[in-house]
Amino acid sequence: MTKVSYITEEGLEKLKKELEHLTSVERPAISRQIAEARDKGDLSENAEYDAAKDAQGMLEARIHKLEQLITNCRVIDESRIGVDTVQIMNKVRIKNTRTNAVLEYTLVSESEANLKEGKIAINTPIGKGLLGKKTGDVVEISVPAGQLRFEILSISL
């Protein structure tokens, strides 16, 4: 069974660019490294050859994963996203009720998550805890550090 992931148009373009780079730049570079190492003689004791083959295996695995992700993703129609309840692509302002710290996150797919940009995946504990909730709701979320209580201050696009 394939796992469908929802993604923005921008996120899909990033994935396609990464795949293009890996197949057109990285793959030929590793092939050259393998050829150079092979030319150095005995492969049974050639650490350079072994390292290049390992790198090739990891690269091919990443390429396969990206191809699967691109094949099984669905682009989100942002015009159909509301702000009545928290859902993917919403920007959510929350307040930690214990520390009064106000945080703002955009809920995105796992492949687009980037904490530095304030984007958290919908499958994280906080993302799951916020999904479907409304402005004013207080939610208790279990995270590895324990229980956190958040009040949802606003939901926007």
Protein backbone atom coordinates (compact mmCIF):
# COMPACT_ATOMS: atom_id res chain seq x y z
CA MET A 1 0.00 0.00 0.00
CA THR A 2 1.44 3.38 -0.98
CA LYS A 3 1.39 6.30 1.37
CA VAL A 4 -0.08 9.46 -0.12
CA SER A 5 1.45 12.67 1.17
CA TYR A 6 0.06 16.13 0.66
CA ILE A 7 2.44 18.83 -0.41
CA THR A 8 2.49 22.41 -1.65
CA GLU A 9 3.38 23.31 -5.21
CA GLU A 10 6.58 24.92 -3.86
CA GLY A 11 7.47 21.75 -1.94
CA LEU A 12 6.93 19.60 -5.01
CA GLU A 13 9.22 21.84 -7.07
CA LYS A 14 11.95 21.54 -4.39
CA LEU A 15 11.69 17.75 -4.51
CA LYS A 16 11.86 17.72 -8.31
CA LYS A 17 14.93 20.00 -8.30
CA GLU A 18 16.67 17.80 -5.75
CA LEU A 19 15.89 14.69 -7.82
CA GLU A 20 17.19 16.39 -10.97
CA HIS A 21 20.41 17.38 -9.17
CA LEU A 22 20.96 13.88 -7.81
CA THR A 23 20.41 12.19 -11.17
CA SER A 24 22.23 14.67 -13.40
CA VAL A 25 25.12 15.78 -11.14
CA GLU A 26 25.65 13.40 -8.22
CA ARG A 27 25.06 10.10 -10.04
CA PRO A 28 27.64 10.81 -12.81
CA ALA A 29 30.15 12.06 -10.20
CA ILE A 30 29.91 8.82 -8.23
CA SER A 31 30.19 6.79 -11.42
CA ARG A 32 33.45 8.62 -12.18
CA GLN A 33 34.72 7.94 -8.65
CA ILE A 34 33.98 4.22 -9.05
CA ALA A 35 35.72 4.13 -12.43
CA GLU A 36 38.79 5.91 -11.04
CA ALA A 37 38.96 3.56 -8.07
CA ARG A 38 38.53 0.53 -10.34
CA ASP A 39 41.46 1.72 -12.47
CA LYS A 40 43.72 1.60 -9.42
CA GLY A 41 43.86 -2.16 -9.40
CA ASP A 42 42.84 -4.93 -7.00
CA LEU A 43 39.25 -4.29 -5.92
CA SER A 44 39.36 -6.71 -3.00
CA GLU A 45 41.57 -4.35 -0.96
CA ASN A 46 40.54 -1.03 -2.49
CA ALA A 47 38.94 1.09 0.24
CA GLU A 48 38.33 3.93 -2.20
CA TYR A 49 36.29 1.61 -4.43
CA ASP A 50 34.30 0.30 -1.43
CA ALA A 51 33.58 3.86 -0.25
CA ALA A 52 32.43 4.92 -3.72
CA LYS A 53 30.16 1.87 -4.02
CA ASP A 54 28.67 2.62 -0.58
CA ALA A 55 28.07 6.24 -1.61
CA GLN A 56 26.43 5.02 -4.80
CA GLY A 57 24.10 2.76 -2.83
CA MET A 58 23.05 5.60 -0.53
CA LEU A 59 22.54 7.92 -3.50
CA GLU A 60 20.40 5.39 -5.35
CA ALA A 61 18.32 4.84 -2.21
CA ARG A 62 17.73 8.61 -1.89
CA ILE A 63 16.81 8.84 -5.59
CA HIS A 64 14.35 5.95 -5.21
CA LYS A 65 12.81 7.54 -2.11
CA LEU A 66 12.37 10.89 -3.90
CA GLU A 67 10.83 9.20 -6.94
CA GLN A 68 8.35 7.37 -4.70
CA LEU A 69 7.54 10.56 -2.78
CA ILE A 70 6.94 12.56 -5.98
CA THR A 71 4.83 9.77 -7.47
CA ASN A 72 2.65 9.43 -4.39
CA CYS A 73 2.19 13.07 -3.46
CA ARG A 74 -0.85 15.21 -4.10
CA VAL A 75 -0.56 18.97 -4.46
CA ILE A 76 -2.75 20.85 -2.00
CA ASP A 77 -5.29 23.24 -3.47
CA GLU A 78 -4.68 26.18 -1.13
CA SER A 79 -7.92 27.86 -2.23
CA ARG A 80 -9.88 25.07 -0.50
CA ILE A 81 -8.20 25.48 2.88
CA GLY A 82 -10.25 27.16 5.58
CA VAL A 83 -9.36 28.64 8.94
CA ASP A 84 -12.29 27.36 11.02
CA THR A 85 -10.23 24.44 12.32
CA VAL A 86 -6.52 23.67 12.19
CA GLN A 87 -5.51 21.75 9.06
CA ILE A 88 -2.50 21.30 6.84
CA MET A 89 -1.12 24.59 5.44
CA ASN A 90 -2.60 26.65 8.28
CA LYS A 91 -0.45 29.07 10.23
CA VAL A 92 -1.29 28.56 13.90
CA ARG A 93 -0.40 30.92 16.77
CA ILE A 94 -0.33 29.08 20.06
CA LYS A 95 0.49 30.04 23.62
CA ASN A 96 2.16 27.69 26.07
CA THR A 97 -0.12 28.05 29.09
CA ARG A 98 2.69 27.28 31.55
CA THR A 99 5.35 29.68 30.21
CA ASN A 100 3.08 32.11 28.31
CA ALA A 101 5.45 31.80 25.34
CA VAL A 102 3.68 32.51 22.04
CA LEU A 103 4.74 30.38 19.08
CA GLU A 104 3.68 30.39 15.46
CA TYR A 105 3.89 27.33 13.24
CA THR A 106 2.74 26.44 9.76
CA LEU A 107 1.57 22.84 9.51
CA VAL A 108 3.06 21.14 6.47
CA SER A 109 3.80 17.67 5.14
CA GLU A 110 6.73 15.73 6.53
CA SER A 111 8.89 16.43 3.47
CA GLU A 112 8.46 20.21 3.85
CA ALA A 113 9.03 20.46 7.61
CA ASN A 114 11.71 22.97 8.62
CA LEU A 115 11.71 24.18 12.21
CA LYS A 116 13.96 27.16 11.40
CA GLU A 117 11.25 28.41 9.03
CA GLY A 118 8.50 27.67 11.56
CA LYS A 119 7.15 24.74 9.54
CA ILE A 120 6.26 21.61 11.48
CA ALA A 121 5.00 18.34 10.07
CA ILE A 122 1.39 17.36 10.66
CA ASN A 123 2.57 13.94 11.87
CA THR A 124 4.61 15.35 14.79
CA PRO A 125 3.07 15.21 18.27
CA ILE A 126 2.33 18.97 18.22
CA GLY A 127 1.00 18.83 14.66
CA LYS A 128 -1.29 15.89 15.48
CA GLY A 129 -2.45 17.58 18.68
CA LEU A 130 -3.45 20.76 16.86
CA LEU A 131 -5.23 19.20 13.87
CA GLY A 132 -8.97 19.75 13.91
CA LYS A 133 -8.92 22.19 16.84
CA LYS A 134 -10.42 25.68 16.83
CA THR A 135 -9.31 29.14 17.93
CA GLY A 136 -9.66 29.38 21.71
CA ASP A 137 -9.26 25.64 22.30
CA VAL A 138 -6.77 24.53 24.93
CA VAL A 139 -5.03 21.29 23.97
CA GLU A 140 -2.84 18.97 25.97
CA ILE A 141 -0.13 17.36 23.88
CA SER A 142 2.19 14.56 24.90
CA VAL A 143 5.76 15.18 23.72
CA PRO A 144 8.94 13.30 24.66
CA ALA A 145 9.62 15.91 27.38
CA GLY A 146 6.17 15.38 28.95
CA GLN A 147 2.77 17.05 28.69
CA LEU A 148 2.39 20.51 27.17
CA ARG A 149 -0.73 22.68 27.23
CA PHE A 150 -1.32 25.13 24.42
CA GLU A 151 -4.07 27.64 23.81
CA ILE A 152 -4.80 28.24 20.12
CA LEU A 153 -4.74 32.01 19.63
CA SER A 154 -5.36 32.19 15.89
CA ILE A 155 -5.54 30.18 12.70
CA SER A 156 -4.65 31.76 9.36
CA LEU A 157 -3.34 30.92 5.90
